[in-house]
Amino acid sequence: MIRRLIAVAALGCSGCTQVATDANAIVALRFEGSAYPSVVEGDSLRDSLGVVQPLVATALNYRNEPVPDAPMEFLSRDTVLQVFEDGVVYARGRRPDTVATVFAATGTLQSQPDSLFVVLRADSIVADSATMTRPPGGFVIPDSIAFKVFVPGADGAAATAARHWLVGFQLQLHDQLLDPTDTTDAYMFTGDYRDLRRVRRTFIDTTSAAGVVSRGLVVHCEALVSGADSVIVIATMRDRRPGTEPKRAQTVVRLQRGQCP
């Protein structure tokens, strides 16, 4: 029995050695997941411009290098989704606003799943407040600059909240649009402004279950003119149909420079 166990162990080690030296042996999967947090009911998974976005996964060898031409499957255990061989995902139109999972597989390897929400198509965005005023020495607190995204109501019914919908942010200062990644003069954030370690600078987010997305604002004092000034916060969403224009809403944040700290 001892000799048999040693033989089995030796065979196992031989297999491990072969995998560890074969550049075409797949040892892991890197699943890129979905390009968007949600897929519209009765449509394929698309990016913000309306372009169909298949799921993407990469097979890796022991060097963490891609294995070319590796066979790949994309799957979902949720009947609300139909997943095709090329990674295209289609929402069958059942159970809107529910979460489903997708994953990739090759051979006996399976990736970690990624979540997709099946949602109704959004068509509008509005600012929670058209103007906000920061008093001298005060703060615009985190998550106070809010926007709401809506799904149109059917047959004249009232619009409802658009859940899990992507919204991008941009700032305008002195009639100039700032690059979202540029933090020189101003930037948007989430977190506790009183603890810079908890502040996360972001210019894109997903609406909550209530259809709301919000941000805090930091403006460097030196970027403001003396006395009264303002920054415009612009929120943009797309309905994710090809060839359609983005929808925007904005909030004007009024500031008072005074003495820079």
C-alpha atoms as a PDB file:
ATOM      1  CA  MET A   1       0.000   0.000   0.000  1.00  0.00           C
ATOM      2  CA  ILE A   2       2.857   2.396   0.854  1.00  0.00           C
ATOM      3  CA  ARG A   3       4.544   1.641  -2.496  1.00  0.00           C
ATOM      4  CA  ARG A   4       1.218   2.316  -4.339  1.00  0.00           C
ATOM      5  CA  LEU A   5       0.764   5.658  -2.604  1.00  0.00           C
ATOM      6  CA  ILE A   6       4.299   6.669  -3.497  1.00  0.00           C
ATOM      7  CA  ALA A   7       3.633   5.702  -7.108  1.00  0.00           C
ATOM      8  CA  VAL A   8       0.450   7.799  -7.194  1.00  0.00           C
ATOM      9  CA  ALA A   9       2.280  10.733  -5.634  1.00  0.00           C
ATOM     10  CA  ALA A  10       5.051  10.382  -8.180  1.00  0.00           C
ATOM     11  CA  LEU A  11       2.530  10.407 -11.014  1.00  0.00           C
ATOM     12  CA  GLY A  12       0.898  13.494  -9.509  1.00  0.00           C
ATOM     13  CA  CYS A  13       4.227  15.308  -9.274  1.00  0.00           C
ATOM     14  CA  SER A  14       5.012  14.298 -12.835  1.00  0.00           C
ATOM     15  CA  GLY A  15       1.753  15.908 -13.959  1.00  0.00           C
ATOM     16  CA  CYS A  16       2.513  19.077 -11.970  1.00  0.00           C
ATOM     17  CA  THR A  17       5.966  19.294 -13.522  1.00  0.00           C
ATOM     18  CA  GLN A  18       4.474  18.977 -17.006  1.00  0.00           C
ATOM     19  CA  VAL A  19       1.945  21.741 -16.373  1.00  0.00           C
ATOM     20  CA  ALA A  20       4.606  23.947 -14.809  1.00  0.00           C
ATOM     21  CA  THR A  21       6.759  23.754 -17.959  1.00  0.00           C
ATOM     22  CA  ASP A  22       4.103  23.682 -20.696  1.00  0.00           C
ATOM     23  CA  ALA A  23       3.427  27.198 -21.987  1.00  0.00           C
ATOM     24  CA  ASN A  24       0.168  25.995 -23.565  1.00  0.00           C
ATOM     25  CA  ALA A  25      -1.214  24.432 -20.399  1.00  0.00           C
ATOM     26  CA  ILE A  26      -4.005  26.556 -18.927  1.00  0.00           C
ATOM     27  CA  VAL A  27      -3.716  27.032 -15.181  1.00  0.00           C
ATOM     28  CA  ALA A  28      -5.953  30.073 -14.585  1.00  0.00           C
ATOM     29  CA  LEU A  29      -8.650  32.275 -16.089  1.00  0.00           C
ATOM     30  CA  ARG A  30      -8.765  36.045 -16.095  1.00  0.00           C
ATOM     31  CA  PHE A  31     -12.411  37.022 -16.511  1.00  0.00           C
ATOM     32  CA  GLU A  32     -12.818  40.642 -17.513  1.00  0.00           C
ATOM     33  CA  GLY A  33     -16.499  40.437 -16.645  1.00  0.00           C
ATOM     34  CA  SER A  34     -19.196  42.677 -18.010  1.00  0.00           C
ATOM     35  CA  ALA A  35     -18.403  46.059 -19.496  1.00  0.00           C
ATOM     36  CA  TYR A  36     -21.453  47.576 -17.836  1.00  0.00           C
ATOM     37  CA  PRO A  37     -23.219  46.949 -14.510  1.00  0.00           C
ATOM     38  CA  SER A  38     -26.545  46.224 -16.178  1.00  0.00           C
ATOM     39  CA  VAL A  39     -28.186  44.928 -19.328  1.00  0.00           C
ATOM     40  CA  VAL A  40     -31.442  46.388 -20.621  1.00  0.00           C
ATOM     41  CA  GLU A  41     -34.456  44.106 -20.711  1.00  0.00           C
ATOM     42  CA  GLY A  42     -35.021  42.849 -24.255  1.00  0.00           C
ATOM     43  CA  ASP A  43     -31.560  43.936 -25.446  1.00  0.00           C
ATOM     44  CA  SER A  44     -27.920  42.808 -25.511  1.00  0.00           C
ATOM     45  CA  LEU A  45     -25.238  43.977 -23.112  1.00  0.00           C
ATOM     46  CA  ARG A  46     -23.930  47.284 -24.512  1.00  0.00           C
ATOM     47  CA  ASP A  47     -21.526  50.023 -23.533  1.00  0.00           C
ATOM     48  CA  SER A  48     -22.593  53.630 -22.960  1.00  0.00           C
ATOM     49  CA  LEU A  49     -22.426  54.364 -26.723  1.00  0.00           C
ATOM     50  CA  GLY A  50     -24.771  51.502 -27.561  1.00  0.00           C
ATOM     51  CA  VAL A  51     -22.072  49.179 -28.946  1.00  0.00           C
ATOM     52  CA  VAL A  52     -22.626  45.487 -28.156  1.00  0.00           C
ATOM     53  CA  GLN A  53     -20.036  44.393 -25.592  1.00  0.00           C
ATOM     54  CA  PRO A  54     -19.396  40.638 -25.401  1.00  0.00           C
ATOM     55  CA  LEU A  55     -17.946  39.124 -22.269  1.00  0.00           C
ATOM     56  CA  VAL A  56     -14.158  38.677 -22.397  1.00  0.00           C
ATOM     57  CA  ALA A  57     -11.938  36.129 -20.657  1.00  0.00           C
ATOM     58  CA  THR A  58      -8.285  35.178 -21.071  1.00  0.00           C
ATOM     59  CA  ALA A  59      -6.704  31.778 -20.424  1.00  0.00           C
ATOM     60  CA  LEU A  60      -3.336  32.006 -18.646  1.00  0.00           C
ATOM     61  CA  ASN A  61      -0.359  29.662 -18.384  1.00  0.00           C
ATOM     62  CA  TYR A  62       1.978  29.191 -15.421  1.00  0.00           C
ATOM     63  CA  ARG A  63       3.849  32.365 -16.400  1.00  0.00           C
ATOM     64  CA  ASN A  64       0.604  34.350 -16.219  1.00  0.00           C
ATOM     65  CA  GLU A  65       0.808  34.774 -19.993  1.00  0.00           C
ATOM     66  CA  PRO A  66      -2.189  34.425 -22.352  1.00  0.00           C
ATOM     67  CA  VAL A  67      -2.620  31.018 -23.984  1.00  0.00           C
ATOM     68  CA  PRO A  68      -3.553  31.660 -27.629  1.00  0.00           C
ATOM     69  CA  ASP A  69      -6.622  30.017 -29.199  1.00  0.00           C
ATOM     70  CA  ALA A  70      -7.786  28.556 -25.896  1.00  0.00           C
ATOM     71  CA  PRO A  71     -11.394  27.279 -26.111  1.00  0.00           C
ATOM     72  CA  MET A  72     -13.664  29.442 -23.981  1.00  0.00           C
ATOM     73  CA  GLU A  73     -17.273  29.198 -22.880  1.00  0.00           C
ATOM     74  CA  PHE A  74     -19.446  31.928 -21.389  1.00  0.00           C
ATOM     75  CA  LEU A  75     -22.293  30.775 -19.196  1.00  0.00           C
ATOM     76  CA  SER A  76     -25.064  31.843 -16.860  1.00  0.00           C
ATOM     77  CA  ARG A  77     -27.206  29.741 -14.570  1.00  0.00           C
ATOM     78  CA  ASP A  78     -29.938  32.393 -14.645  1.00  0.00           C
ATOM     79  CA  THR A  79     -32.687  31.849 -17.211  1.00  0.00           C
ATOM     80  CA  VAL A  80     -33.263  35.594 -17.430  1.00  0.00           C
ATOM     81  CA  LEU A  81     -30.043  35.786 -19.502  1.00  0.00           C
ATOM     82  CA  GLN A  82     -29.154  34.114 -22.788  1.00  0.00           C
ATOM     83  CA  VAL A  83     -25.386  33.837 -23.297  1.00  0.00           C
ATOM     84  CA  PHE A  84     -23.996  33.017 -26.743  1.00  0.00           C
ATOM     85  CA  GLU A  85     -20.733  31.289 -27.651  1.00  0.00           C
ATOM     86  CA  ASP A  86     -19.050  34.570 -28.595  1.00  0.00           C
ATOM     87  CA  GLY A  87     -19.806  36.078 -25.173  1.00  0.00           C
ATOM     88  CA  VAL A  88     -22.775  38.217 -26.225  1.00  0.00           C
ATOM     89  CA  VAL A  89     -25.332  38.443 -23.425  1.00  0.00           C
ATOM     90  CA  TYR A  90     -29.046  39.007 -24.084  1.00  0.00           C
ATOM     91  CA  ALA A  91     -31.676  39.791 -21.444  1.00  0.00           C
ATOM     92  CA  ARG A  92     -34.758  37.747 -22.285  1.00  0.00           C
ATOM     93  CA  GLY A  93     -37.073  40.334 -20.786  1.00  0.00           C
ATOM     94  CA  ARG A  94     -38.117  38.507 -17.651  1.00  0.00           C
ATOM     95  CA  ARG A  95     -37.890  39.691 -14.081  1.00  0.00           C
ATOM     96  CA  PRO A  96     -36.537  43.209 -14.624  1.00  0.00           C
ATOM     97  CA  ASP A  97     -34.412  44.796 -11.898  1.00  0.00           C
ATOM     98  CA  THR A  98     -33.088  41.430 -10.743  1.00  0.00           C
ATOM     99  CA  VAL A  99     -29.449  40.410 -10.490  1.00  0.00           C
ATOM    100  CA  ALA A 100     -28.024  37.563 -12.559  1.00  0.00           C
ATOM    101  CA  THR A 101     -24.526  36.100 -12.809  1.00  0.00           C
ATOM    102  CA  VAL A 102     -22.236  35.272 -15.724  1.00  0.00           C
ATOM    103  CA  PHE A 103     -18.927  33.432 -15.764  1.00  0.00           C
ATOM    104  CA  ALA A 104     -16.320  31.970 -18.115  1.00  0.00           C
ATOM    105  CA  ALA A 105     -15.029  28.396 -18.324  1.00  0.00           C
ATOM    106  CA  THR A 106     -12.443  26.390 -20.208  1.00  0.00           C
ATOM    107  CA  GLY A 107     -11.946  22.679 -19.646  1.00  0.00           C
ATOM    108  CA  THR A 108     -12.391  22.078 -15.925  1.00  0.00           C
ATOM    109  CA  LEU A 109     -11.485  25.651 -14.980  1.00  0.00           C
ATOM    110  CA  GLN A 110     -14.210  28.135 -14.113  1.00  0.00           C
ATOM    111  CA  SER A 111     -13.866  31.838 -13.373  1.00  0.00           C
ATOM    112  CA  GLN A 112     -15.371  33.760 -10.513  1.00  0.00           C
ATOM    113  CA  PRO A 113     -18.862  34.971 -11.501  1.00  0.00           C
ATOM    114  CA  ASP A 114     -19.721  38.570 -12.277  1.00  0.00           C
ATOM    115  CA  SER A 115     -23.083  40.190 -11.530  1.00  0.00           C
ATOM    116  CA  LEU A 116     -25.389  41.774 -14.090  1.00  0.00           C
ATOM    117  CA  PHE A 117     -28.607  43.615 -13.290  1.00  0.00           C
ATOM    118  CA  VAL A 118     -31.492  43.358 -15.751  1.00  0.00           C
ATOM    119  CA  VAL A 119     -33.037  46.819 -15.915  1.00  0.00           C
ATOM    120  CA  LEU A 120     -35.449  48.988 -17.857  1.00  0.00           C
ATOM    121  CA  ARG A 121     -34.013  51.592 -20.225  1.00  0.00           C
ATOM    122  CA  ALA A 122     -33.394  55.042 -18.754  1.00  0.00           C
ATOM    123  CA  ASP A 123     -34.188  58.133 -20.794  1.00  0.00           C
ATOM    124  CA  SER A 124     -33.664  61.229 -18.619  1.00  0.00           C
ATOM    125  CA  ILE A 125     -31.593  62.760 -15.836  1.00  0.00           C
ATOM    126  CA  VAL A 126     -32.316  65.749 -13.588  1.00  0.00           C
ATOM    127  CA  ALA A 127     -30.383  67.610 -10.912  1.00  0.00           C
ATOM    128  CA  ASP A 128     -31.683  67.290  -7.381  1.00  0.00           C
ATOM    129  CA  SER A 129     -30.869  70.987  -6.972  1.00  0.00           C
ATOM    130  CA  ALA A 130     -30.210  73.501  -9.760  1.00  0.00           C
ATOM    131  CA  THR A 131     -28.004  75.631  -7.490  1.00  0.00           C
ATOM    132  CA  MET A 132     -26.093  75.141  -4.255  1.00  0.00           C
ATOM    133  CA  THR A 133     -24.335  77.762  -2.157  1.00  0.00           C
ATOM    134  CA  ARG A 134     -21.250  77.129  -0.064  1.00  0.00           C
ATOM    135  CA  PRO A 135     -21.129  79.679   2.758  1.00  0.00           C
ATOM    136  CA  PRO A 136     -17.758  81.296   3.548  1.00  0.00           C
ATOM    137  CA  GLY A 137     -15.746  78.849   5.643  1.00  0.00           C
ATOM    138  CA  GLY A 138     -18.262  76.071   5.018  1.00  0.00           C
ATOM    139  CA  PHE A 139     -18.079  72.796   3.123  1.00  0.00           C
ATOM    140  CA  VAL A 140     -20.047  71.134   0.374  1.00  0.00           C
ATOM    141  CA  ILE A 141     -20.515  67.864   2.209  1.00  0.00           C
ATOM    142  CA  PRO A 142     -19.983  64.472   0.525  1.00  0.00           C
ATOM    143  CA  ASP A 143     -22.836  63.102  -1.551  1.00  0.00           C
ATOM    144  CA  SER A 144     -24.710  66.393  -1.410  1.00  0.00           C
ATOM    145  CA  ILE A 145     -24.606  67.117  -5.159  1.00  0.00           C
ATOM    146  CA  ALA A 146     -27.190  64.617  -6.346  1.00  0.00           C
ATOM    147  CA  PHE A 147     -28.768  63.656  -9.661  1.00  0.00           C
ATOM    148  CA  LYS A 148     -31.696  61.366 -10.445  1.00  0.00           C
ATOM    149  CA  VAL A 149     -32.077  59.117 -13.503  1.00  0.00           C
ATOM    150  CA  PHE A 150     -35.514  58.018 -14.708  1.00  0.00           C
ATOM    151  CA  VAL A 151     -37.218  55.313 -16.761  1.00  0.00           C
ATOM    152  CA  PRO A 152     -40.230  56.608 -18.742  1.00  0.00           C
ATOM    153  CA  GLY A 153     -43.632  55.467 -17.520  1.00  0.00           C
ATOM    154  CA  ALA A 154     -45.717  53.229 -19.777  1.00  0.00           C
ATOM    155  CA  ASP A 155     -49.024  54.509 -21.205  1.00  0.00           C
ATOM    156  CA  GLY A 156     -48.795  57.880 -19.497  1.00  0.00           C
ATOM    157  CA  ALA A 157     -47.762  56.541 -16.109  1.00  0.00           C
ATOM    158  CA  ALA A 158     -45.248  58.451 -13.999  1.00  0.00           C
ATOM    159  CA  ALA A 159     -41.542  57.907 -14.596  1.00  0.00           C
ATOM    160  CA  THR A 160     -39.734  55.552 -12.234  1.00  0.00           C
ATOM    161  CA  ALA A 161     -36.186  55.350 -10.893  1.00  0.00           C
ATOM    162  CA  ALA A 162     -33.501  53.970 -13.207  1.00  0.00           C
ATOM    163  CA  ARG A 163     -31.444  51.536 -11.157  1.00  0.00           C
ATOM    164  CA  HIS A 164     -27.844  50.490 -11.773  1.00  0.00           C
ATOM    165  CA  TRP A 165     -27.342  53.033 -14.556  1.00  0.00           C
ATOM    166  CA  LEU A 166     -23.928  54.561 -15.276  1.00  0.00           C
ATOM    167  CA  VAL A 167     -23.486  58.346 -14.933  1.00  0.00           C
ATOM    168  CA  GLY A 168     -20.360  60.366 -15.721  1.00  0.00           C
ATOM    169  CA  PHE A 169     -19.349  63.671 -14.118  1.00  0.00           C
ATOM    170  CA  GLN A 170     -17.468  66.684 -15.430  1.00  0.00           C
ATOM    171  CA  LEU A 171     -16.734  70.119 -13.984  1.00  0.00           C
ATOM    172  CA  GLN A 172     -16.865  73.507 -15.669  1.00  0.00           C
ATOM    173  CA  LEU A 173     -14.868  76.372 -14.220  1.00  0.00           C
ATOM    174  CA  HIS A 174     -14.736  79.854 -15.757  1.00  0.00           C
ATOM    175  CA  ASP A 175     -16.438  78.674 -18.970  1.00  0.00           C
ATOM    176  CA  GLN A 176     -13.897  75.890 -19.409  1.00  0.00           C
ATOM    177  CA  LEU A 177     -14.652  72.168 -19.185  1.00  0.00           C
ATOM    178  CA  LEU A 178     -12.090  70.421 -17.004  1.00  0.00           C
ATOM    179  CA  ASP A 179     -10.690  67.030 -17.889  1.00  0.00           C
ATOM    180  CA  PRO A 180     -12.379  64.541 -15.498  1.00  0.00           C
ATOM    181  CA  THR A 181      -8.999  63.085 -14.542  1.00  0.00           C
ATOM    182  CA  ASP A 182      -7.411  66.491 -13.851  1.00  0.00           C
ATOM    183  CA  THR A 183      -7.425  67.423 -10.164  1.00  0.00           C
ATOM    184  CA  THR A 184      -5.397  70.646 -10.482  1.00  0.00           C
ATOM    185  CA  ASP A 185      -8.273  73.081  -9.890  1.00  0.00           C
ATOM    186  CA  ALA A 186     -11.195  70.928  -8.747  1.00  0.00           C
ATOM    187  CA  TYR A 187     -12.422  67.352  -8.558  1.00  0.00           C
ATOM    188  CA  MET A 188     -15.364  65.246  -7.432  1.00  0.00           C
ATOM    189  CA  PHE A 189     -15.157  62.569  -4.768  1.00  0.00           C
ATOM    190  CA  THR A 190     -16.870  60.137  -2.454  1.00  0.00           C
ATOM    191  CA  GLY A 191     -15.956  59.480   1.153  1.00  0.00           C
ATOM    192  CA  ASP A 192     -15.375  61.556   4.268  1.00  0.00           C
ATOM    193  CA  TYR A 193     -13.807  64.924   3.334  1.00  0.00           C
ATOM    194  CA  ARG A 194     -12.583  65.276   6.943  1.00  0.00           C
ATOM    195  CA  ASP A 195     -10.259  62.308   6.445  1.00  0.00           C
ATOM    196  CA  LEU A 196      -8.301  62.494   3.186  1.00  0.00           C
ATOM    197  CA  ARG A 197      -7.398  58.815   3.504  1.00  0.00           C
ATOM    198  CA  ARG A 198     -11.061  57.988   2.973  1.00  0.00           C
ATOM    199  CA  VAL A 199     -11.611  60.318   0.034  1.00  0.00           C
ATOM    200  CA  ARG A 200     -11.876  58.597  -3.346  1.00  0.00           C
ATOM    201  CA  ARG A 201     -11.610  60.768  -6.445  1.00  0.00           C
ATOM    202  CA  THR A 202     -14.049  59.493  -9.062  1.00  0.00           C
ATOM    203  CA  PHE A 203     -15.875  60.877 -12.077  1.00  0.00           C
ATOM    204  CA  ILE A 204     -18.181  57.942 -12.855  1.00  0.00           C
ATOM    205  CA  ASP A 205     -20.722  56.042 -10.767  1.00  0.00           C
ATOM    206  CA  THR A 206     -23.811  53.842 -10.890  1.00  0.00           C
ATOM    207  CA  THR A 207     -27.244  54.916  -9.713  1.00  0.00           C
ATOM    208  CA  SER A 208     -28.619  53.394  -6.535  1.00  0.00           C
ATOM    209  CA  ALA A 209     -31.826  51.386  -6.217  1.00  0.00           C
ATOM    210  CA  ALA A 210     -33.553  54.765  -5.878  1.00  0.00           C
ATOM    211  CA  GLY A 211     -32.079  55.971  -9.181  1.00  0.00           C
ATOM    212  CA  VAL A 212     -29.809  58.494  -7.429  1.00  0.00           C
ATOM    213  CA  VAL A 213     -26.123  59.193  -7.923  1.00  0.00           C
ATOM    214  CA  SER A 214     -24.241  61.866  -5.992  1.00  0.00           C
ATOM    215  CA  ARG A 215     -20.854  63.383  -5.335  1.00  0.00           C
ATOM    216  CA  GLY A 216     -18.915  65.766  -3.108  1.00  0.00           C
ATOM    217  CA  LEU A 217     -16.823  68.571  -4.567  1.00  0.00           C
ATOM    218  CA  VAL A 218     -13.331  69.862  -3.805  1.00  0.00           C
ATOM    219  CA  VAL A 219     -12.218  73.190  -5.289  1.00  0.00           C
ATOM    220  CA  HIS A 220      -8.700  74.482  -4.744  1.00  0.00           C
ATOM    221  CA  CYS A 221      -8.967  78.000  -3.411  1.00  0.00           C
ATOM    222  CA  GLU A 222      -6.297  79.357  -5.762  1.00  0.00           C
ATOM    223  CA  ALA A 223      -8.458  78.398  -8.773  1.00  0.00           C
ATOM    224  CA  LEU A 224     -11.214  80.823  -7.754  1.00  0.00           C
ATOM    225  CA  VAL A 225     -11.407  84.523  -8.507  1.00  0.00           C
ATOM    226  CA  SER A 226     -11.640  86.922  -5.579  1.00  0.00           C
ATOM    227  CA  GLY A 227     -15.118  87.293  -4.172  1.00  0.00           C
ATOM    228  CA  ALA A 228     -18.061  85.373  -5.624  1.00  0.00           C
ATOM    229  CA  ASP A 229     -17.360  82.534  -8.028  1.00  0.00           C
ATOM    230  CA  SER A 230     -18.971  79.275  -9.129  1.00  0.00           C
ATOM    231  CA  VAL A 231     -18.325  75.766 -10.430  1.00  0.00           C
ATOM    232  CA  ILE A 232     -20.789  73.890 -12.642  1.00  0.00           C
ATOM    233  CA  VAL A 233     -21.193  70.169 -11.988  1.00  0.00           C
ATOM    234  CA  ILE A 234     -22.382  68.351 -15.127  1.00  0.00           C
ATOM    235  CA  ALA A 235     -23.812  64.813 -14.997  1.00  0.00           C
ATOM    236  CA  THR A 236     -24.177  62.822 -18.225  1.00  0.00           C
ATOM    237  CA  MET A 237     -26.023  59.593 -19.031  1.00  0.00           C
ATOM    238  CA  ARG A 238     -26.790  57.737 -22.263  1.00  0.00           C
ATOM    239  CA  ASP A 239     -29.713  55.488 -23.059  1.00  0.00           C
ATOM    240  CA  ARG A 240     -27.261  52.990 -24.655  1.00  0.00           C
ATOM    241  CA  ARG A 241     -28.886  52.885 -28.062  1.00  0.00           C
ATOM    242  CA  PRO A 242     -26.627  53.422 -31.106  1.00  0.00           C
ATOM    243  CA  GLY A 243     -26.670  56.935 -32.549  1.00  0.00           C
ATOM    244  CA  THR A 244     -28.508  58.613 -29.674  1.00  0.00           C
ATOM    245  CA  GLU A 245     -27.314  61.795 -28.013  1.00  0.00           C
ATOM    246  CA  PRO A 246     -26.348  61.865 -24.323  1.00  0.00           C
ATOM    247  CA  LYS A 247     -28.624  63.489 -21.755  1.00  0.00           C
ATOM    248  CA  ARG A 248     -27.187  65.987 -19.289  1.00  0.00           C
ATOM    249  CA  ALA A 249     -28.163  67.824 -16.133  1.00  0.00           C
ATOM    250  CA  GLN A 250     -26.181  70.338 -14.112  1.00  0.00           C
ATOM    251  CA  THR A 251     -25.895  72.007 -10.742  1.00  0.00           C
ATOM    252  CA  VAL A 252     -24.244  75.387 -10.198  1.00  0.00           C
ATOM    253  CA  VAL A 253     -22.225  75.479  -6.971  1.00  0.00           C
ATOM    254  CA  ARG A 254     -21.757  79.070  -5.769  1.00  0.00           C
ATOM    255  CA  LEU A 255     -18.549  79.757  -3.871  1.00  0.00           C
ATOM    256  CA  GLN A 256     -16.927  82.633  -2.014  1.00  0.00           C
ATOM    257  CA  ARG A 257     -13.149  82.761  -2.177  1.00  0.00           C
ATOM    258  CA  GLY A 258     -12.293  85.077   0.690  1.00  0.00           C
ATOM    259  CA  GLN A 259      -8.883  84.225   2.162  1.00  0.00           C
ATOM    260  CA  CYS A 260      -7.314  80.965   1.031  1.00  0.00           C
ATOM    261  CA  PRO A 261      -6.352  78.608   3.856  1.00  0.00           C
END
